[in-house]
Amino acid sequence: SAFAGISDTELEKIEYLKAVLFSSGCKFERNGKRYDAEQAVSHINKKYDYFRDEIDSAEEFIELTATKSTMSGKPYYIYCPDKQKIESSVWLHDKLGVFTESENAKGDAKR
């Protein structure tokens, strides 16, 4: 893979999370201001570039880029249509679980 320390599987999970957020239609709150999903992914990508050397897994990606403001320490939130606001880390871990379950199901189907 292009980055030392991170497996192709983990990179695939990270790309999946960014794609799900990008296409979610949800708003992303950072430091009290809401952004659309495209702006959210752009911000997360900037943080990802900054923290890349510290990220070895999708969990670390969520923790370092999409959980809270590095400046204020305030948590990020996701606002999806017809849903309660949720902390972004919870939302992303939920999406990661969906990805992992679908990958496990594919693996089971091959056996």
PDB file of N, CA and C in Angstrom:
ATOM      1  N   SER A   1       0.838  -1.187   0.000  1.00  0.00           N
ATOM      2  CA  SER A   1       0.000   0.000   0.000  1.00  0.00           C
ATOM      3  C   SER A   1       0.878   1.245   0.000  1.00  0.00           C
ATOM      4  N   ALA A   2       0.291   2.363  -0.293  1.00  0.00           N
ATOM      5  CA  ALA A   2       1.033   3.610  -0.447  1.00  0.00           C
ATOM      6  C   ALA A   2       1.530   4.160   0.892  1.00  0.00           C
ATOM      7  N   PHE A   3       0.948   3.724   1.989  1.00  0.00           N
ATOM      8  CA  PHE A   3       1.308   4.287   3.286  1.00  0.00           C
ATOM      9  C   PHE A   3       1.835   3.200   4.205  1.00  0.00           C
ATOM     10  N   ALA A   4       2.979   3.464   4.797  1.00  0.00           N
ATOM     11  CA  ALA A   4       3.576   2.498   5.723  1.00  0.00           C
ATOM     12  C   ALA A   4       2.668   2.315   6.916  1.00  0.00           C
ATOM     13  N   GLY A   5       2.538   1.091   7.363  1.00  0.00           N
ATOM     14  CA  GLY A   5       1.831   0.822   8.599  1.00  0.00           C
ATOM     15  C   GLY A   5       0.341   0.597   8.472  1.00  0.00           C
ATOM     16  N   ILE A   6      -0.244   0.896   7.341  1.00  0.00           N
ATOM     17  CA  ILE A   6      -1.690   0.702   7.222  1.00  0.00           C
ATOM     18  C   ILE A   6      -1.965  -0.319   6.119  1.00  0.00           C
ATOM     19  N   SER A   7      -2.788  -1.284   6.441  1.00  0.00           N
ATOM     20  CA  SER A   7      -3.074  -2.353   5.490  1.00  0.00           C
ATOM     21  C   SER A   7      -4.079  -1.901   4.434  1.00  0.00           C
ATOM     22  N   ASP A   8      -4.101  -2.615   3.330  1.00  0.00           N
ATOM     23  CA  ASP A   8      -5.075  -2.323   2.279  1.00  0.00           C
ATOM     24  C   ASP A   8      -6.500  -2.455   2.813  1.00  0.00           C
ATOM     25  N   THR A   9      -6.721  -3.424   3.685  1.00  0.00           N
ATOM     26  CA  THR A   9      -8.056  -3.618   4.267  1.00  0.00           C
ATOM     27  C   THR A   9      -8.482  -2.389   5.062  1.00  0.00           C
ATOM     28  N   GLU A  10      -7.586  -1.851   5.871  1.00  0.00           N
ATOM     29  CA  GLU A  10      -7.910  -0.666   6.669  1.00  0.00           C
ATOM     30  C   GLU A  10      -8.107   0.554   5.767  1.00  0.00           C
ATOM     31  N   LEU A  11      -7.289   0.681   4.724  1.00  0.00           N
ATOM     32  CA  LEU A  11      -7.483   1.776   3.766  1.00  0.00           C
ATOM     33  C   LEU A  11      -8.851   1.674   3.097  1.00  0.00           C
ATOM     34  N   GLU A  12      -9.252   0.455   2.776  1.00  0.00           N
ATOM     35  CA  GLU A  12     -10.566   0.241   2.160  1.00  0.00           C
ATOM     36  C   GLU A  12     -11.686   0.678   3.107  1.00  0.00           C
ATOM     37  N   LYS A  13     -11.539   0.371   4.384  1.00  0.00           N
ATOM     38  CA  LYS A  13     -12.537   0.794   5.380  1.00  0.00           C
ATOM     39  C   LYS A  13     -12.615   2.318   5.465  1.00  0.00           C
ATOM     40  N   ILE A  14     -11.447   2.974   5.470  1.00  0.00           N
ATOM     41  CA  ILE A  14     -11.408   4.437   5.557  1.00  0.00           C
ATOM     42  C   ILE A  14     -12.085   5.058   4.339  1.00  0.00           C
ATOM     43  N   GLU A  15     -11.770   4.554   3.160  1.00  0.00           N
ATOM     44  CA  GLU A  15     -12.395   5.079   1.940  1.00  0.00           C
ATOM     45  C   GLU A  15     -13.907   4.843   1.967  1.00  0.00           C
ATOM     46  N   TYR A  16     -14.316   3.698   2.479  1.00  0.00           N
ATOM     47  CA  TYR A  16     -15.748   3.397   2.621  1.00  0.00           C
ATOM     48  C   TYR A  16     -16.419   4.424   3.536  1.00  0.00           C
ATOM     49  N   LEU A  17     -15.812   4.690   4.687  1.00  0.00           N
ATOM     50  CA  LEU A  17     -16.400   5.650   5.632  1.00  0.00           C
ATOM     51  C   LEU A  17     -16.538   7.034   5.009  1.00  0.00           C
ATOM     52  N   LYS A  18     -15.517   7.472   4.291  1.00  0.00           N
ATOM     53  CA  LYS A  18     -15.591   8.784   3.643  1.00  0.00           C
ATOM     54  C   LYS A  18     -16.692   8.795   2.579  1.00  0.00           C
ATOM     55  N   ALA A  19     -16.807   7.715   1.816  1.00  0.00           N
ATOM     56  CA  ALA A  19     -17.836   7.639   0.767  1.00  0.00           C
ATOM     57  C   ALA A  19     -19.238   7.627   1.361  1.00  0.00           C
ATOM     58  N   VAL A  20     -19.437   6.901   2.458  1.00  0.00           N
ATOM     59  CA  VAL A  20     -20.749   6.849   3.114  1.00  0.00           C
ATOM     60  C   VAL A  20     -21.127   8.228   3.643  1.00  0.00           C
ATOM     61  N   LEU A  21     -20.191   8.905   4.284  1.00  0.00           N
ATOM     62  CA  LEU A  21     -20.471  10.250   4.782  1.00  0.00           C
ATOM     63  C   LEU A  21     -20.768  11.192   3.616  1.00  0.00           C
ATOM     64  N   PHE A  22     -19.951  11.126   2.577  1.00  0.00           N
ATOM     65  CA  PHE A  22     -20.105  12.010   1.420  1.00  0.00           C
ATOM     66  C   PHE A  22     -21.490  11.881   0.800  1.00  0.00           C
ATOM     67  N   SER A  23     -22.004  10.656   0.719  1.00  0.00           N
ATOM     68  CA  SER A  23     -23.287  10.409   0.045  1.00  0.00           C
ATOM     69  C   SER A  23     -24.475  10.332   1.012  1.00  0.00           C
ATOM     70  N   SER A  24     -24.249  10.665   2.283  1.00  0.00           N
ATOM     71  CA  SER A  24     -25.270  10.452   3.323  1.00  0.00           C
ATOM     72  C   SER A  24     -26.432  11.443   3.282  1.00  0.00           C
ATOM     73  N   GLY A  25     -26.191  12.646   2.765  1.00  0.00           N
ATOM     74  CA  GLY A  25     -27.213  13.685   2.850  1.00  0.00           C
ATOM     75  C   GLY A  25     -27.320  14.290   4.240  1.00  0.00           C
ATOM     76  N   CYS A  26     -26.392  13.927   5.108  1.00  0.00           N
ATOM     77  CA  CYS A  26     -26.396  14.425   6.484  1.00  0.00           C
ATOM     78  C   CYS A  26     -25.563  15.702   6.584  1.00  0.00           C
ATOM     79  N   LYS A  27     -25.813  16.451   7.648  1.00  0.00           N
ATOM     80  CA  LYS A  27     -25.012  17.632   7.972  1.00  0.00           C
ATOM     81  C   LYS A  27     -24.000  17.230   9.037  1.00  0.00           C
ATOM     82  N   PHE A  28     -22.898  17.939   9.057  1.00  0.00           N
ATOM     83  CA  PHE A  28     -21.793  17.653   9.961  1.00  0.00           C
ATOM     84  C   PHE A  28     -21.543  18.912  10.774  1.00  0.00           C
ATOM     85  N   GLU A  29     -21.599  18.800  12.100  1.00  0.00           N
ATOM     86  CA  GLU A  29     -21.378  19.967  12.960  1.00  0.00           C
ATOM     87  C   GLU A  29     -19.984  19.937  13.540  1.00  0.00           C
ATOM     88  N   ARG A  30     -19.309  21.061  13.357  1.00  0.00           N
ATOM     89  CA  ARG A  30     -17.954  21.217  13.868  1.00  0.00           C
ATOM     90  C   ARG A  30     -17.871  22.582  14.527  1.00  0.00           C
ATOM     91  N   ASN A  31     -17.548  22.605  15.815  1.00  0.00           N
ATOM     92  CA  ASN A  31     -17.440  23.859  16.584  1.00  0.00           C
ATOM     93  C   ASN A  31     -18.684  24.733  16.456  1.00  0.00           C
ATOM     94  N   GLY A  32     -19.853  24.089  16.532  1.00  0.00           N
ATOM     95  CA  GLY A  32     -21.110  24.820  16.545  1.00  0.00           C
ATOM     96  C   GLY A  32     -21.625  25.248  15.183  1.00  0.00           C
ATOM     97  N   LYS A  33     -20.899  24.940  14.118  1.00  0.00           N
ATOM     98  CA  LYS A  33     -21.319  25.323  12.776  1.00  0.00           C
ATOM     99  C   LYS A  33     -21.572  24.061  11.950  1.00  0.00           C
ATOM    100  N   ARG A  34     -22.652  24.086  11.160  1.00  0.00           N
ATOM    101  CA  ARG A  34     -22.992  22.916  10.350  1.00  0.00           C
ATOM    102  C   ARG A  34     -22.459  23.053   8.928  1.00  0.00           C
ATOM    103  N   TYR A  35     -22.013  21.911   8.424  1.00  0.00           N
ATOM    104  CA  TYR A  35     -21.452  21.824   7.073  1.00  0.00           C
ATOM    105  C   TYR A  35     -22.137  20.684   6.338  1.00  0.00           C
ATOM    106  N   ASP A  36     -22.177  20.784   5.002  1.00  0.00           N
ATOM    107  CA  ASP A  36     -22.734  19.654   4.260  1.00  0.00           C
ATOM    108  C   ASP A  36     -21.699  18.528   4.220  1.00  0.00           C
ATOM    109  N   ALA A  37     -22.136  17.379   3.753  1.00  0.00           N
ATOM    110  CA  ALA A  37     -21.287  16.186   3.785  1.00  0.00           C
ATOM    111  C   ALA A  37     -20.023  16.364   2.947  1.00  0.00           C
ATOM    112  N   GLU A  38     -20.133  17.062   1.821  1.00  0.00           N
ATOM    113  CA  GLU A  38     -18.957  17.286   0.973  1.00  0.00           C
ATOM    114  C   GLU A  38     -17.901  18.102   1.721  1.00  0.00           C
ATOM    115  N   GLN A  39     -18.346  19.162   2.420  1.00  0.00           N
ATOM    116  CA  GLN A  39     -17.417  19.977   3.212  1.00  0.00           C
ATOM    117  C   GLN A  39     -16.835  19.160   4.367  1.00  0.00           C
ATOM    118  N   ALA A  40     -17.656  18.294   4.953  1.00  0.00           N
ATOM    119  CA  ALA A  40     -17.189  17.459   6.062  1.00  0.00           C
ATOM    120  C   ALA A  40     -16.072  16.530   5.597  1.00  0.00           C
ATOM    121  N   VAL A  41     -16.267  15.878   4.468  1.00  0.00           N
ATOM    122  CA  VAL A  41     -15.243  14.962   3.957  1.00  0.00           C
ATOM    123  C   VAL A  41     -13.973  15.736   3.602  1.00  0.00           C
ATOM    124  N   SER A  42     -14.118  16.919   3.053  1.00  0.00           N
ATOM    125  CA  SER A  42     -12.956  17.746   2.742  1.00  0.00           C
ATOM    126  C   SER A  42     -12.161  18.053   4.013  1.00  0.00           C
ATOM    127  N   HIS A  43     -12.861  18.424   5.080  1.00  0.00           N
ATOM    128  CA  HIS A  43     -12.207  18.713   6.362  1.00  0.00           C
ATOM    129  C   HIS A  43     -11.525  17.460   6.917  1.00  0.00           C
ATOM    130  N   ILE A  44     -12.227  16.334   6.882  1.00  0.00           N
ATOM    131  CA  ILE A  44     -11.673  15.074   7.385  1.00  0.00           C
ATOM    132  C   ILE A  44     -10.426  14.692   6.581  1.00  0.00           C
ATOM    133  N   ASN A  45     -10.458  14.905   5.276  1.00  0.00           N
ATOM    134  CA  ASN A  45      -9.286  14.602   4.444  1.00  0.00           C
ATOM    135  C   ASN A  45      -8.079  15.445   4.841  1.00  0.00           C
ATOM    136  N   LYS A  46      -8.308  16.718   5.176  1.00  0.00           N
ATOM    137  CA  LYS A  46      -7.197  17.581   5.616  1.00  0.00           C
ATOM    138  C   LYS A  46      -6.601  17.043   6.919  1.00  0.00           C
ATOM    139  N   LYS A  47      -7.468  16.652   7.842  1.00  0.00           N
ATOM    140  CA  LYS A  47      -6.977  16.097   9.104  1.00  0.00           C
ATOM    141  C   LYS A  47      -6.290  14.754   8.873  1.00  0.00           C
ATOM    142  N   TYR A  48      -6.819  13.984   7.942  1.00  0.00           N
ATOM    143  CA  TYR A  48      -6.211  12.687   7.606  1.00  0.00           C
ATOM    144  C   TYR A  48      -4.787  12.896   7.084  1.00  0.00           C
ATOM    145  N   ASP A  49      -4.613  13.870   6.205  1.00  0.00           N
ATOM    146  CA  ASP A  49      -3.267  14.169   5.692  1.00  0.00           C
ATOM    147  C   ASP A  49      -2.326  14.547   6.834  1.00  0.00           C
ATOM    148  N   TYR A  50      -2.839  15.326   7.791  1.00  0.00           N
ATOM    149  CA  TYR A  50      -2.027  15.775   8.916  1.00  0.00           C
ATOM    150  C   TYR A  50      -1.639  14.604   9.830  1.00  0.00           C
ATOM    151  N   PHE A  51      -2.609  13.724  10.141  1.00  0.00           N
ATOM    152  CA  PHE A  51      -2.387  12.639  11.109  1.00  0.00           C
ATOM    153  C   PHE A  51      -1.999  11.304  10.464  1.00  0.00           C
ATOM    154  N   ARG A  52      -1.803  11.292   9.155  1.00  0.00           N
ATOM    155  CA  ARG A  52      -1.610  10.029   8.423  1.00  0.00           C
ATOM    156  C   ARG A  52      -0.571   9.107   9.060  1.00  0.00           C
ATOM    157  N   ASP A  53       0.537   9.648   9.540  1.00  0.00           N
ATOM    158  CA  ASP A  53       1.597   8.823  10.119  1.00  0.00           C
ATOM    159  C   ASP A  53       1.175   8.151  11.420  1.00  0.00           C
ATOM    160  N   GLU A  54       0.103   8.641  12.035  1.00  0.00           N
ATOM    161  CA  GLU A  54      -0.367   8.078  13.303  1.00  0.00           C
ATOM    162  C   GLU A  54      -1.542   7.112  13.105  1.00  0.00           C
ATOM    163  N   ILE A  55      -2.020   6.967  11.872  1.00  0.00           N
ATOM    164  CA  ILE A  55      -3.224   6.176  11.603  1.00  0.00           C
ATOM    165  C   ILE A  55      -2.858   4.830  10.992  1.00  0.00           C
ATOM    166  N   ASP A  56      -3.180   3.768  11.732  1.00  0.00           N
ATOM    167  CA  ASP A  56      -2.932   2.395  11.261  1.00  0.00           C
ATOM    168  C   ASP A  56      -4.216   1.609  11.072  1.00  0.00           C
ATOM    169  N   SER A  57      -5.357   2.226  11.413  1.00  0.00           N
ATOM    170  CA  SER A  57      -6.631   1.495  11.330  1.00  0.00           C
ATOM    171  C   SER A  57      -7.782   2.473  11.100  1.00  0.00           C
ATOM    172  N   ALA A  58      -8.914   1.909  10.693  1.00  0.00           N
ATOM    173  CA  ALA A  58     -10.120   2.729  10.513  1.00  0.00           C
ATOM    174  C   ALA A  58     -10.546   3.341  11.847  1.00  0.00           C
ATOM    175  N   GLU A  59     -10.367   2.612  12.942  1.00  0.00           N
ATOM    176  CA  GLU A  59     -10.719   3.142  14.265  1.00  0.00           C
ATOM    177  C   GLU A  59      -9.874   4.370  14.598  1.00  0.00           C
ATOM    178  N   GLU A  60      -8.565   4.301  14.320  1.00  0.00           N
ATOM    179  CA  GLU A  60      -7.695   5.454  14.567  1.00  0.00           C
ATOM    180  C   GLU A  60      -8.066   6.606  13.634  1.00  0.00           C
ATOM    181  N   PHE A  61      -8.452   6.291  12.405  1.00  0.00           N
ATOM    182  CA  PHE A  61      -8.916   7.316  11.469  1.00  0.00           C
ATOM    183  C   PHE A  61     -10.102   8.071  12.068  1.00  0.00           C
ATOM    184  N   ILE A  62     -11.092   7.332  12.574  1.00  0.00           N
ATOM    185  CA  ILE A  62     -12.276   7.955  13.181  1.00  0.00           C
ATOM    186  C   ILE A  62     -11.846   8.821  14.366  1.00  0.00           C
ATOM    187  N   GLU A  63     -11.029   8.248  15.234  1.00  0.00           N
ATOM    188  CA  GLU A  63     -10.620   8.937  16.451  1.00  0.00           C
ATOM    189  C   GLU A  63      -9.853  10.232  16.146  1.00  0.00           C
ATOM    190  N   LEU A  64      -8.925  10.187  15.218  1.00  0.00           N
ATOM    191  CA  LEU A  64      -8.047  11.332  14.977  1.00  0.00           C
ATOM    192  C   LEU A  64      -8.612  12.364  14.006  1.00  0.00           C
ATOM    193  N   THR A  65      -9.508  11.952  13.108  1.00  0.00           N
ATOM    194  CA  THR A  65      -9.957  12.900  12.084  1.00  0.00           C
ATOM    195  C   THR A  65     -11.414  13.301  12.193  1.00  0.00           C
ATOM    196  N   ALA A  66     -12.247  12.498  12.831  1.00  0.00           N
ATOM    197  CA  ALA A  66     -13.687  12.719  12.706  1.00  0.00           C
ATOM    198  C   ALA A  66     -14.459  12.658  14.015  1.00  0.00           C
ATOM    199  N   THR A  67     -13.770  12.773  15.144  1.00  0.00           N
ATOM    200  CA  THR A  67     -14.432  12.673  16.439  1.00  0.00           C
ATOM    201  C   THR A  67     -14.632  14.027  17.105  1.00  0.00           C
ATOM    202  N   LYS A  68     -13.569  14.846  17.080  1.00  0.00           N
ATOM    203  CA  LYS A  68     -13.649  16.130  17.785  1.00  0.00           C
ATOM    204  C   LYS A  68     -12.683  17.124  17.170  1.00  0.00           C
ATOM    205  N   SER A  69     -12.917  18.378  17.489  1.00  0.00           N
ATOM    206  CA  SER A  69     -12.054  19.457  17.032  1.00  0.00           C
ATOM    207  C   SER A  69     -10.701  19.381  17.731  1.00  0.00           C
ATOM    208  N   THR A  70      -9.652  19.437  16.950  1.00  0.00           N
ATOM    209  CA  THR A  70      -8.307  19.463  17.519  1.00  0.00           C
ATOM    210  C   THR A  70      -8.088  20.773  18.276  1.00  0.00           C
ATOM    211  N   MET A  71      -8.717  21.847  17.791  1.00  0.00           N
ATOM    212  CA  MET A  71      -8.535  23.169  18.391  1.00  0.00           C
ATOM    213  C   MET A  71      -9.335  23.329  19.688  1.00  0.00           C
ATOM    214  N   SER A  72     -10.636  23.040  19.634  1.00  0.00           N
ATOM    215  CA  SER A  72     -11.505  23.316  20.787  1.00  0.00           C
ATOM    216  C   SER A  72     -11.744  22.096  21.676  1.00  0.00           C
ATOM    217  N   GLY A  73     -11.524  20.899  21.124  1.00  0.00           N
ATOM    218  CA  GLY A  73     -11.823  19.675  21.859  1.00  0.00           C
ATOM    219  C   GLY A  73     -13.294  19.304  21.835  1.00  0.00           C
ATOM    220  N   LYS A  74     -14.134  20.129  21.179  1.00  0.00           N
ATOM    221  CA  LYS A  74     -15.577  19.853  21.121  1.00  0.00           C
ATOM    222  C   LYS A  74     -15.852  18.696  20.176  1.00  0.00           C
ATOM    223  N   PRO A  75     -16.799  17.819  20.571  1.00  0.00           N
ATOM    224  CA  PRO A  75     -17.135  16.696  19.681  1.00  0.00           C
ATOM    225  C   PRO A  75     -17.812  17.174  18.404  1.00  0.00           C
ATOM    226  N   TYR A  76     -17.639  16.406  17.345  1.00  0.00           N
ATOM    227  CA  TYR A  76     -18.355  16.628  16.094  1.00  0.00           C
ATOM    228  C   TYR A  76     -19.677  15.869  16.174  1.00  0.00           C
ATOM    229  N   TYR A  77     -20.692  16.389  15.486  1.00  0.00           N
ATOM    230  CA  TYR A  77     -22.002  15.746  15.444  1.00  0.00           C
ATOM    231  C   TYR A  77     -22.459  15.564  14.003  1.00  0.00           C
ATOM    232  N   ILE A  78     -23.318  14.576  13.820  1.00  0.00           N
ATOM    233  CA  ILE A  78     -23.938  14.311  12.518  1.00  0.00           C
ATOM    234  C   ILE A  78     -25.443  14.527  12.680  1.00  0.00           C
ATOM    235  N   TYR A  79     -26.009  15.264  11.741  1.00  0.00           N
ATOM    236  CA  TYR A  79     -27.455  15.497  11.687  1.00  0.00           C
ATOM    237  C   TYR A  79     -27.970  14.899  10.387  1.00  0.00           C
ATOM    238  N   CYS A  80     -28.705  13.790  10.493  1.00  0.00           N
ATOM    239  CA  CYS A  80     -29.290  13.164   9.309  1.00  0.00           C
ATOM    240  C   CYS A  80     -30.787  13.468   9.276  1.00  0.00           C
ATOM    241  N   PRO A  81     -31.351  13.543   8.076  1.00  0.00           N
ATOM    242  CA  PRO A  81     -32.792  13.821   7.975  1.00  0.00           C
ATOM    243  C   PRO A  81     -33.619  12.835   8.809  1.00  0.00           C
ATOM    244  N   ASP A  82     -34.597  13.364   9.549  1.00  0.00           N
ATOM    245  CA  ASP A  82     -35.531  12.564  10.358  1.00  0.00           C
ATOM    246  C   ASP A  82     -34.863  11.719  11.435  1.00  0.00           C
ATOM    247  N   LYS A  83     -33.668  12.135  11.893  1.00  0.00           N
ATOM    248  CA  LYS A  83     -32.978  11.399  12.957  1.00  0.00           C
ATOM    249  C   LYS A  83     -32.497  12.394  14.012  1.00  0.00           C
ATOM    250  N   GLN A  84     -32.263  11.880  15.222  1.00  0.00           N
ATOM    251  CA  GLN A  84     -31.662  12.691  16.278  1.00  0.00           C
ATOM    252  C   GLN A  84     -30.200  12.971  15.929  1.00  0.00           C
ATOM    253  N   LYS A  85     -29.665  14.101  16.420  1.00  0.00           N
ATOM    254  CA  LYS A  85     -28.228  14.335  16.215  1.00  0.00           C
ATOM    255  C   LYS A  85     -27.461  13.256  16.965  1.00  0.00           C
ATOM    256  N   ILE A  86     -26.311  12.901  16.434  1.00  0.00           N
ATOM    257  CA  ILE A  86     -25.502  11.839  17.014  1.00  0.00           C
ATOM    258  C   ILE A  86     -24.038  12.248  16.921  1.00  0.00           C
ATOM    259  N   GLU A  87     -23.248  11.854  17.916  1.00  0.00           N
ATOM    260  CA  GLU A  87     -21.820  12.151  17.834  1.00  0.00           C
ATOM    261  C   GLU A  87     -21.251  11.448  16.613  1.00  0.00           C
ATOM    262  N   SER A  88     -20.389  12.146  15.894  1.00  0.00           N
ATOM    263  CA  SER A  88     -19.843  11.589  14.654  1.00  0.00           C
ATOM    264  C   SER A  88     -19.097  10.283  14.892  1.00  0.00           C
ATOM    265  N   SER A  89     -18.417  10.161  16.027  1.00  0.00           N
ATOM    266  CA  SER A  89     -17.675   8.918  16.287  1.00  0.00           C
ATOM    267  C   SER A  89     -18.630   7.726  16.386  1.00  0.00           C
ATOM    268  N   VAL A  90     -19.794   7.932  17.015  1.00  0.00           N
ATOM    269  CA  VAL A  90     -20.794   6.857  17.133  1.00  0.00           C
ATOM    270  C   VAL A  90     -21.335   6.508  15.751  1.00  0.00           C
ATOM    271  N   TRP A  91     -21.683   7.532  14.975  1.00  0.00           N
ATOM    272  CA  TRP A  91     -22.229   7.338  13.630  1.00  0.00           C
ATOM    273  C   TRP A  91     -21.234   6.579  12.746  1.00  0.00           C
ATOM    274  N   LEU A  92     -19.973   7.007  12.764  1.00  0.00           N
ATOM    275  CA  LEU A  92     -18.954   6.373  11.925  1.00  0.00           C
ATOM    276  C   LEU A  92     -18.631   4.955  12.380  1.00  0.00           C
ATOM    277  N   HIS A  93     -18.574   4.717  13.692  1.00  0.00           N
ATOM    278  CA  HIS A  93     -18.349   3.348  14.170  1.00  0.00           C
ATOM    279  C   HIS A  93     -19.508   2.438  13.759  1.00  0.00           C
ATOM    280  N   ASP A  94     -20.736   2.986  13.776  1.00  0.00           N
ATOM    281  CA  ASP A  94     -21.894   2.223  13.313  1.00  0.00           C
ATOM    282  C   ASP A  94     -21.725   1.848  11.837  1.00  0.00           C
ATOM    283  N   LYS A  95     -21.319   2.806  11.009  1.00  0.00           N
ATOM    284  CA  LYS A  95     -21.113   2.550   9.579  1.00  0.00           C
ATOM    285  C   LYS A  95     -19.977   1.556   9.369  1.00  0.00           C
ATOM    286  N   LEU A  96     -18.936   1.656  10.180  1.00  0.00           N
ATOM    287  CA  LEU A  96     -17.823   0.716  10.091  1.00  0.00           C
ATOM    288  C   LEU A  96     -18.302  -0.704  10.412  1.00  0.00           C
ATOM    289  N   GLY A  97     -19.191  -0.810  11.401  1.00  0.00           N
ATOM    290  CA  GLY A  97     -19.768  -2.116  11.737  1.00  0.00           C
ATOM    291  C   GLY A  97     -20.554  -2.707  10.580  1.00  0.00           C
ATOM    292  N   VAL A  98     -21.304  -1.872   9.877  1.00  0.00           N
ATOM    293  CA  VAL A  98     -22.068  -2.325   8.707  1.00  0.00           C
ATOM    294  C   VAL A  98     -21.106  -2.845   7.639  1.00  0.00           C
ATOM    295  N   PHE A  99     -20.024  -2.116   7.393  1.00  0.00           N
ATOM    296  CA  PHE A  99     -19.025  -2.532   6.411  1.00  0.00           C
ATOM    297  C   PHE A  99     -18.426  -3.875   6.802  1.00  0.00           C
ATOM    298  N   THR A 100     -18.035  -4.003   8.065  1.00  0.00           N
ATOM    299  CA  THR A 100     -17.401  -5.225   8.552  1.00  0.00           C
ATOM    300  C   THR A 100     -18.349  -6.417   8.430  1.00  0.00           C
ATOM    301  N   GLU A 101     -19.627  -6.204   8.790  1.00  0.00           N
ATOM    302  CA  GLU A 101     -20.620  -7.282   8.663  1.00  0.00           C
ATOM    303  C   GLU A 101     -20.784  -7.710   7.209  1.00  0.00           C
ATOM    304  N   SER A 102     -20.822  -6.742   6.279  1.00  0.00           N
ATOM    305  CA  SER A 102     -21.001  -7.100   4.872  1.00  0.00           C
ATOM    306  C   SER A 102     -19.763  -7.825   4.341  1.00  0.00           C
ATOM    307  N   GLU A 103     -18.582  -7.420   4.796  1.00  0.00           N
ATOM    308  CA  GLU A 103     -17.360  -8.113   4.385  1.00  0.00           C
ATOM    309  C   GLU A 103     -17.326  -9.532   4.943  1.00  0.00           C
ATOM    310  N   ASN A 104     -17.757  -9.689   6.203  1.00  0.00           N
ATOM    311  CA  ASN A 104     -17.805 -11.032   6.805  1.00  0.00           C
ATOM    312  C   ASN A 104     -18.801 -11.920   6.068  1.00  0.00           C
ATOM    313  N   ALA A 105     -19.929 -11.344   5.670  1.00  0.00           N
ATOM    314  CA  ALA A 105     -20.936 -12.106   4.935  1.00  0.00           C
ATOM    315  C   ALA A 105     -20.389 -12.555   3.579  1.00  0.00           C
ATOM    316  N   LYS A 106     -19.620 -11.677   2.925  1.00  0.00           N
ATOM    317  CA  LYS A 106     -19.001 -12.052   1.645  1.00  0.00           C
ATOM    318  C   LYS A 106     -18.041 -13.203   1.865  1.00  0.00           C
ATOM    319  N   GLY A 107     -17.263 -13.116   2.951  1.00  0.00           N
ATOM    320  CA  GLY A 107     -16.315 -14.185   3.275  1.00  0.00           C
ATOM    321  C   GLY A 107     -17.016 -15.497   3.544  1.00  0.00           C
ATOM    322  N   ASP A 108     -18.150 -15.432   4.275  1.00  0.00           N
ATOM    323  CA  ASP A 108     -18.930 -16.633   4.557  1.00  0.00           C
ATOM    324  C   ASP A 108     -19.476 -17.254   3.282  1.00  0.00           C
ATOM    325  N   ALA A 109     -19.897 -16.402   2.341  1.00  0.00           N
ATOM    326  CA  ALA A 109     -20.474 -16.890   1.083  1.00  0.00           C
ATOM    327  C   ALA A 109     -19.424 -17.618   0.245  1.00  0.00           C
ATOM    328  N   LYS A 110     -18.152 -17.246   0.406  1.00  0.00           N
ATOM    329  CA  LYS A 110     -17.076 -17.877  -0.372  1.00  0.00           C
ATOM    330  C   LYS A 110     -16.688 -19.238   0.201  1.00  0.00           C
ATOM    331  N   ARG A 111     -17.000 -19.458   1.475  1.00  0.00           N
ATOM    332  CA  ARG A 111     -16.595 -20.718   2.120  1.00  0.00           C
ATOM    333  C   ARG A 111     -17.462 -21.872   1.711  1.00  0.00           C
TER     334      ARG A 111
END
